[in-house]
N, C-alpha and C. Protein backbone atom coordinates (compact mmCIF):
# COMPACT_ATOMS: atom_id res chain seq x y z
N UNK A 1 33.46 27.45 -59.28
CA UNK A 1 32.37 26.62 -59.77
C UNK A 1 31.59 26.10 -58.57
N UNK A 2 30.28 26.16 -58.66
CA UNK A 2 29.43 25.67 -57.58
C UNK A 2 29.56 24.16 -57.41
N UNK A 3 29.51 23.71 -56.15
CA UNK A 3 29.54 22.28 -55.87
C UNK A 3 28.26 21.59 -56.32
N UNK A 4 27.14 22.28 -56.24
CA UNK A 4 25.81 21.72 -56.48
C UNK A 4 25.61 20.53 -55.52
N UNK A 5 25.44 20.88 -54.24
CA UNK A 5 25.28 19.86 -53.19
C UNK A 5 23.97 19.10 -53.40
N UNK A 6 23.97 17.80 -53.00
CA UNK A 6 22.86 16.92 -53.36
C UNK A 6 21.65 16.91 -52.44
N UNK A 7 21.67 17.71 -51.38
CA UNK A 7 20.55 17.62 -50.44
C UNK A 7 20.38 18.89 -49.62
N UNK A 8 19.24 18.98 -48.95
CA UNK A 8 18.97 20.07 -48.02
C UNK A 8 19.76 19.79 -46.75
N UNK A 9 20.54 20.76 -46.31
CA UNK A 9 21.34 20.58 -45.09
C UNK A 9 20.46 20.40 -43.86
N UNK A 10 19.25 20.94 -43.88
CA UNK A 10 18.40 20.85 -42.70
C UNK A 10 17.60 19.55 -42.66
N UNK A 11 16.77 19.31 -43.65
CA UNK A 11 15.86 18.15 -43.59
C UNK A 11 16.36 16.93 -44.35
N UNK A 12 17.41 17.09 -45.15
CA UNK A 12 17.97 15.96 -45.88
C UNK A 12 17.29 15.65 -47.20
N UNK A 13 16.28 16.42 -47.58
CA UNK A 13 15.60 16.19 -48.86
C UNK A 13 16.60 16.17 -50.01
N UNK A 14 16.46 15.21 -50.89
CA UNK A 14 17.32 15.12 -52.07
C UNK A 14 17.04 16.29 -53.01
N UNK A 15 18.11 16.94 -53.45
CA UNK A 15 18.00 18.07 -54.38
C UNK A 15 18.90 17.81 -55.57
N UNK A 16 18.39 17.13 -56.60
CA UNK A 16 19.20 16.84 -57.78
C UNK A 16 19.71 18.13 -58.43
N UNK A 17 20.70 17.99 -59.28
CA UNK A 17 21.33 19.16 -59.92
C UNK A 17 20.32 20.07 -60.61
N UNK A 18 19.19 19.52 -61.06
CA UNK A 18 18.21 20.31 -61.81
C UNK A 18 16.97 20.67 -60.97
N UNK A 19 17.09 20.57 -59.66
CA UNK A 19 15.96 20.86 -58.79
C UNK A 19 15.61 22.34 -58.78
N UNK A 20 14.34 22.62 -58.95
CA UNK A 20 13.85 24.00 -58.84
C UNK A 20 13.60 24.36 -57.38
N UNK A 21 13.78 23.41 -56.48
CA UNK A 21 13.52 23.62 -55.05
C UNK A 21 14.79 23.93 -54.26
N UNK A 22 15.95 23.92 -54.89
CA UNK A 22 17.22 24.14 -54.19
C UNK A 22 17.52 25.63 -54.04
N UNK A 23 17.90 26.01 -52.83
CA UNK A 23 18.25 27.39 -52.51
C UNK A 23 19.65 27.39 -51.90
N UNK A 24 20.46 28.42 -52.22
CA UNK A 24 21.82 28.50 -51.67
C UNK A 24 22.12 29.91 -51.17
N UNK A 25 23.09 29.98 -50.25
CA UNK A 25 23.60 31.28 -49.82
C UNK A 25 24.91 31.52 -50.57
N UNK A 26 25.56 32.61 -50.27
CA UNK A 26 26.79 32.96 -50.97
C UNK A 26 27.94 31.98 -50.69
N UNK A 27 27.82 31.20 -49.60
CA UNK A 27 28.84 30.19 -49.28
C UNK A 27 28.42 28.79 -49.71
N UNK A 28 27.34 28.69 -50.48
CA UNK A 28 26.80 27.45 -51.02
C UNK A 28 26.10 26.57 -50.00
N UNK A 29 25.79 27.11 -48.82
CA UNK A 29 24.94 26.35 -47.91
C UNK A 29 23.67 26.08 -48.71
N UNK A 30 23.16 24.86 -48.64
CA UNK A 30 22.08 24.44 -49.51
C UNK A 30 20.88 23.97 -48.70
N UNK A 31 19.72 24.52 -49.03
CA UNK A 31 18.49 24.16 -48.34
C UNK A 31 17.36 24.04 -49.36
N UNK A 32 16.34 23.28 -49.01
CA UNK A 32 15.18 23.19 -49.88
C UNK A 32 14.31 24.43 -49.68
N UNK A 33 13.52 24.73 -50.67
CA UNK A 33 12.66 25.90 -50.65
C UNK A 33 11.71 25.86 -49.45
N UNK A 34 11.22 24.68 -49.11
CA UNK A 34 10.29 24.53 -48.00
C UNK A 34 10.94 24.95 -46.68
N UNK A 35 12.16 24.49 -46.41
CA UNK A 35 12.87 24.87 -45.18
C UNK A 35 13.17 26.37 -45.16
N UNK A 36 13.55 26.92 -46.32
CA UNK A 36 13.85 28.36 -46.40
C UNK A 36 12.62 29.18 -46.06
N UNK A 37 11.47 28.77 -46.56
CA UNK A 37 10.24 29.53 -46.33
C UNK A 37 9.64 29.29 -44.95
N UNK A 38 9.61 28.05 -44.48
CA UNK A 38 8.93 27.71 -43.23
C UNK A 38 9.77 27.94 -41.98
N UNK A 39 11.08 27.65 -42.07
CA UNK A 39 11.93 27.66 -40.88
C UNK A 39 12.95 28.79 -40.90
N UNK A 40 13.63 28.96 -42.03
CA UNK A 40 14.75 29.90 -42.09
C UNK A 40 14.35 31.33 -42.42
N UNK A 41 13.22 31.50 -43.07
CA UNK A 41 12.73 32.84 -43.44
C UNK A 41 13.79 33.67 -44.14
N UNK A 42 14.47 33.01 -45.09
CA UNK A 42 15.51 33.62 -45.93
C UNK A 42 16.73 34.10 -45.15
N UNK A 43 17.04 33.45 -44.03
CA UNK A 43 18.25 33.74 -43.26
C UNK A 43 19.06 32.44 -43.17
N UNK A 44 20.26 32.43 -43.75
CA UNK A 44 21.10 31.24 -43.66
C UNK A 44 21.50 31.05 -42.20
N UNK A 45 21.27 29.86 -41.64
CA UNK A 45 21.61 29.63 -40.24
C UNK A 45 23.12 29.60 -39.99
N UNK A 46 23.89 29.44 -41.06
CA UNK A 46 25.35 29.35 -40.91
C UNK A 46 26.02 30.72 -40.99
N UNK A 47 25.65 31.53 -42.00
CA UNK A 47 26.33 32.81 -42.21
C UNK A 47 25.45 34.03 -41.99
N UNK A 48 24.14 33.83 -41.92
CA UNK A 48 23.22 34.95 -41.74
C UNK A 48 22.82 35.64 -43.02
N UNK A 49 23.38 35.22 -44.13
CA UNK A 49 23.04 35.81 -45.42
C UNK A 49 21.70 35.34 -45.93
N UNK A 50 21.33 35.84 -47.09
CA UNK A 50 20.07 35.44 -47.72
C UNK A 50 20.27 34.19 -48.56
N UNK A 51 19.17 33.61 -48.98
CA UNK A 51 19.20 32.42 -49.81
C UNK A 51 18.48 32.70 -51.12
N UNK A 52 19.07 32.21 -52.20
CA UNK A 52 18.56 32.43 -53.56
C UNK A 52 18.39 31.09 -54.26
N UNK A 53 17.59 31.07 -55.31
CA UNK A 53 17.42 29.86 -56.11
C UNK A 53 18.79 29.44 -56.67
N UNK A 54 19.11 28.17 -56.49
CA UNK A 54 20.37 27.65 -57.01
C UNK A 54 20.27 27.49 -58.53
N UNK A 55 21.31 27.93 -59.26
CA UNK A 55 21.29 27.75 -60.72
C UNK A 55 21.35 26.26 -61.08
N UNK A 56 20.87 25.95 -62.25
CA UNK A 56 20.90 24.56 -62.74
C UNK A 56 22.07 24.42 -63.70
N UNK A 57 22.96 23.48 -63.39
CA UNK A 57 24.08 23.23 -64.29
C UNK A 57 23.56 22.56 -65.56
N UNK A 58 23.97 23.04 -66.71
CA UNK A 58 23.52 22.41 -67.97
C UNK A 58 23.90 20.93 -68.02
N UNK A 59 22.95 20.13 -68.42
CA UNK A 59 23.15 18.68 -68.50
C UNK A 59 24.38 18.33 -69.35
N UNK A 60 24.63 19.11 -70.38
CA UNK A 60 25.76 18.84 -71.28
C UNK A 60 27.11 19.02 -70.60
N UNK A 61 27.14 19.66 -69.43
CA UNK A 61 28.40 19.91 -68.73
C UNK A 61 28.61 19.02 -67.51
N UNK A 62 27.65 18.16 -67.21
CA UNK A 62 27.74 17.33 -66.01
C UNK A 62 28.91 16.35 -66.03
N UNK A 63 29.23 15.83 -67.18
CA UNK A 63 30.35 14.88 -67.25
C UNK A 63 31.67 15.59 -66.98
N UNK A 64 31.85 16.74 -67.60
CA UNK A 64 33.08 17.50 -67.43
C UNK A 64 33.16 18.16 -66.05
N UNK A 65 32.02 18.62 -65.55
CA UNK A 65 31.93 19.31 -64.26
C UNK A 65 30.87 18.64 -63.39
N UNK A 66 31.20 17.49 -62.81
CA UNK A 66 30.21 16.76 -62.03
C UNK A 66 29.77 17.52 -60.78
N UNK A 67 28.56 17.23 -60.36
CA UNK A 67 28.04 17.83 -59.14
C UNK A 67 28.53 17.01 -57.94
N UNK A 68 28.44 17.59 -56.77
CA UNK A 68 28.89 16.92 -55.56
C UNK A 68 28.00 15.72 -55.25
N UNK A 69 28.62 14.66 -54.78
CA UNK A 69 27.88 13.49 -54.33
C UNK A 69 27.92 13.40 -52.80
N UNK A 70 28.66 14.33 -52.18
CA UNK A 70 28.86 14.32 -50.73
C UNK A 70 27.71 15.05 -50.02
N UNK A 71 26.84 14.33 -49.34
CA UNK A 71 25.75 14.99 -48.64
C UNK A 71 26.25 15.81 -47.45
N UNK A 72 25.58 16.91 -47.18
CA UNK A 72 25.86 17.74 -46.01
C UNK A 72 24.56 17.76 -45.21
N UNK A 73 24.61 17.29 -43.96
CA UNK A 73 23.39 17.26 -43.15
C UNK A 73 23.71 17.87 -41.79
N UNK A 74 23.26 19.10 -41.60
CA UNK A 74 23.44 19.82 -40.34
C UNK A 74 22.09 20.41 -39.95
N UNK A 75 21.21 19.59 -39.39
CA UNK A 75 19.88 20.10 -39.06
C UNK A 75 19.95 21.34 -38.17
N UNK A 76 19.07 22.28 -38.43
CA UNK A 76 19.02 23.53 -37.69
C UNK A 76 18.38 23.29 -36.33
N UNK A 77 19.05 23.76 -35.29
CA UNK A 77 18.47 23.75 -33.95
C UNK A 77 17.56 24.98 -33.91
N UNK A 78 16.27 24.75 -34.10
CA UNK A 78 15.34 25.87 -34.26
C UNK A 78 15.31 26.78 -33.04
N UNK A 79 15.47 26.24 -31.85
CA UNK A 79 15.46 27.07 -30.64
C UNK A 79 16.67 28.00 -30.63
N UNK A 80 17.83 27.47 -30.96
CA UNK A 80 19.05 28.29 -30.99
C UNK A 80 19.01 29.28 -32.16
N UNK A 81 18.47 28.85 -33.29
CA UNK A 81 18.40 29.69 -34.47
C UNK A 81 17.43 30.86 -34.29
N UNK A 82 16.46 30.72 -33.45
CA UNK A 82 15.44 31.76 -33.29
C UNK A 82 16.05 33.10 -32.88
N UNK A 83 17.12 33.12 -32.09
CA UNK A 83 17.76 34.37 -31.70
C UNK A 83 18.41 35.04 -32.91
N UNK A 84 19.12 34.27 -33.73
CA UNK A 84 19.73 34.82 -34.95
C UNK A 84 18.65 35.32 -35.90
N UNK A 85 17.60 34.54 -36.04
CA UNK A 85 16.50 34.92 -36.92
C UNK A 85 15.87 36.24 -36.47
N UNK A 86 15.66 36.39 -35.18
CA UNK A 86 15.05 37.61 -34.65
C UNK A 86 15.91 38.84 -34.95
N UNK A 87 17.22 38.66 -34.93
CA UNK A 87 18.14 39.78 -35.22
C UNK A 87 18.21 40.12 -36.70
N UNK A 88 18.11 39.12 -37.57
CA UNK A 88 18.40 39.33 -38.99
C UNK A 88 17.20 39.31 -39.93
N UNK A 89 16.10 38.77 -39.52
CA UNK A 89 14.96 38.55 -40.43
C UNK A 89 14.52 39.81 -41.15
N UNK A 90 14.48 40.93 -40.46
CA UNK A 90 13.97 42.15 -41.07
C UNK A 90 15.07 43.11 -41.54
N UNK A 91 16.32 42.66 -41.47
CA UNK A 91 17.45 43.48 -41.93
C UNK A 91 17.65 43.23 -43.42
N UNK A 92 17.69 44.29 -44.23
CA UNK A 92 17.92 44.09 -45.66
C UNK A 92 19.22 43.32 -45.92
N UNK A 93 19.21 42.49 -46.95
CA UNK A 93 20.35 41.61 -47.23
C UNK A 93 21.69 42.35 -47.29
N UNK A 94 21.74 43.50 -47.91
CA UNK A 94 23.00 44.23 -48.04
C UNK A 94 23.51 44.86 -46.76
N UNK A 95 22.69 44.79 -45.71
CA UNK A 95 23.08 45.38 -44.43
C UNK A 95 23.34 44.36 -43.35
N UNK A 96 23.24 43.08 -43.67
CA UNK A 96 23.44 42.04 -42.64
C UNK A 96 24.91 41.88 -42.30
């Protein structure tokens, strides 16, 4: 079950469980759509994988399956990330 993390790991923007702006990688690293498009260019800075729109947990299941309240904030060092980005940006997701 997804944690549904409450914020963008890079900029700290709040991403409620029903946010259409939340993007995740296969390890649930969570970023806002703006950071994914402007800075990350669909490359997760942690694992190198791609980022997809995070699913929205149905409101009726929130009590039984609550979302995470624990924020994760690991701002991307853009200078250090640029080398990883240069290597992976144009590599198809299934080949990374």
